[in-house]
Amino acid sequence: MAVITRFFRDKRSARRASKTTECAYQVVVGDDGDTYLQLVTFGSDERQDVGTGSQNIRMNEKMARQLTEIIAEAFPAIRSSDVDGD
C-alpha cells in the first residue's frame, strides 16, 4: 500500500489508455490515528487472479483537498454540477 505524500504535474507525454477496471474506496483510520481515503483498483478480467486488489493507495485530508483542486482544474464543469454519477 502506498500513502500519497505529494501530487505533481507530469510533463512527459501521456501513455495510451490502459484497460478498464473497477475501484473500491473506504474511509479508514490508520495506525497513526489519522483518517484516510483508501482506493483499491482491481485487475482486469484477463488477470490471473480476477477480483484481487491490484493497486492500493491512501491519502489524508490534505492530499484529498489537493486532489479535489486538481480534479476541478481538469474538469471545470464539475464545480457547478451534481456529483451523483451522471
Protein backbone atom coordinates (compact mmCIF):
# COMPACT_ATOMS: atom_id res chain seq x y z
CA MET A 1 0.00 0.00 0.00
CA ALA A 2 1.18 3.49 -0.78
CA VAL A 3 0.31 6.68 1.11
CA ILE A 4 0.35 9.69 -1.21
CA THR A 5 2.60 12.46 0.09
CA ARG A 6 2.66 14.77 -2.92
CA PHE A 7 0.92 15.44 -6.23
CA PHE A 8 2.84 16.99 -9.12
CA ARG A 9 2.10 17.61 -12.78
CA ASP A 10 3.84 15.14 -15.07
CA LYS A 11 5.01 16.99 -18.18
CA ARG A 12 6.02 13.87 -20.09
CA SER A 13 3.79 12.75 -22.93
CA ALA A 14 0.80 10.71 -21.78
CA ARG A 15 0.72 6.99 -22.36
CA ARG A 16 -2.05 5.36 -24.32
CA ALA A 17 -5.18 4.34 -22.47
CA SER A 18 -5.00 1.23 -20.34
CA LYS A 19 -7.61 -1.44 -19.76
CA THR A 20 -10.60 -0.54 -17.65
CA THR A 21 -11.12 -1.71 -14.08
CA GLU A 22 -13.23 -1.04 -11.03
CA CYS A 23 -12.11 0.92 -7.99
CA ALA A 24 -13.30 0.36 -4.42
CA TYR A 25 -12.99 3.02 -1.77
CA GLN A 26 -13.09 3.10 2.00
CA VAL A 27 -12.59 5.67 4.69
CA VAL A 28 -10.18 4.14 7.18
CA VAL A 29 -8.32 5.16 10.31
CA GLY A 30 -4.63 4.40 10.04
CA ASP A 31 -2.34 3.07 12.76
CA ASP A 32 -1.31 6.70 13.29
CA GLY A 33 -4.91 7.67 14.16
CA ASP A 34 -5.35 9.79 11.02
CA THR A 35 -8.30 9.34 8.66
CA TYR A 36 -7.51 8.26 5.10
CA LEU A 37 -9.40 7.79 1.86
CA GLN A 38 -8.27 4.40 0.57
CA LEU A 39 -8.64 3.48 -3.12
CA VAL A 40 -8.14 -0.06 -4.39
CA THR A 41 -8.16 -0.92 -8.09
CA PHE A 42 -8.70 -4.44 -9.31
CA GLY A 43 -7.04 -6.37 -12.10
CA SER A 44 -8.72 -6.64 -15.48
CA ASP A 45 -10.83 -9.65 -16.39
CA GLU A 46 -7.75 -11.06 -18.15
CA ARG A 47 -5.69 -11.07 -14.94
CA GLN A 48 -4.79 -14.42 -13.43
CA ASP A 49 -6.29 -13.53 -10.03
CA VAL A 50 -9.54 -11.83 -11.09
CA GLY A 51 -11.13 -9.82 -8.30
CA THR A 52 -7.89 -9.36 -6.37
CA GLY A 53 -6.81 -5.86 -5.42
CA SER A 54 -4.09 -4.57 -7.70
CA GLN A 55 -3.10 -1.06 -6.59
CA ASN A 56 -3.90 0.23 -3.12
CA ILE A 57 -3.37 3.88 -2.23
CA ARG A 58 -4.31 6.09 0.69
CA MET A 59 -4.49 9.85 1.06
CA ASN A 60 -5.06 12.01 4.09
CA GLU A 61 -7.30 15.09 4.14
CA LYS A 62 -4.53 17.40 2.93
CA MET A 63 -3.85 15.23 -0.13
CA ALA A 64 -7.60 14.77 -0.77
CA ARG A 65 -8.01 18.57 -0.84
CA GLN A 66 -5.18 18.84 -3.35
CA LEU A 67 -6.70 16.10 -5.49
CA THR A 68 -10.05 17.91 -5.39
CA GLU A 69 -8.34 21.03 -6.75
CA ILE A 70 -6.62 19.01 -9.49
CA ILE A 71 -9.93 17.41 -10.50
CA ALA A 72 -11.68 20.79 -10.59
CA GLU A 73 -8.91 22.16 -12.81
CA ALA A 74 -9.13 19.19 -15.18
CA PHE A 75 -12.95 19.13 -15.26
CA PRO A 76 -14.24 22.70 -14.65
CA ALA A 77 -17.87 21.67 -15.18
CA ILE A 78 -17.72 19.58 -12.01
CA ARG A 79 -17.70 22.73 -9.89
CA SER A 80 -21.27 23.52 -10.92
CA SER A 81 -22.76 20.05 -11.35
CA ASP A 82 -24.04 17.37 -9.05
CA VAL A 83 -21.66 14.56 -8.19
CA ASP A 84 -24.18 11.70 -8.34
CA GLY A 85 -22.61 9.67 -11.11
CA ASP A 86 -24.10 11.24 -14.24
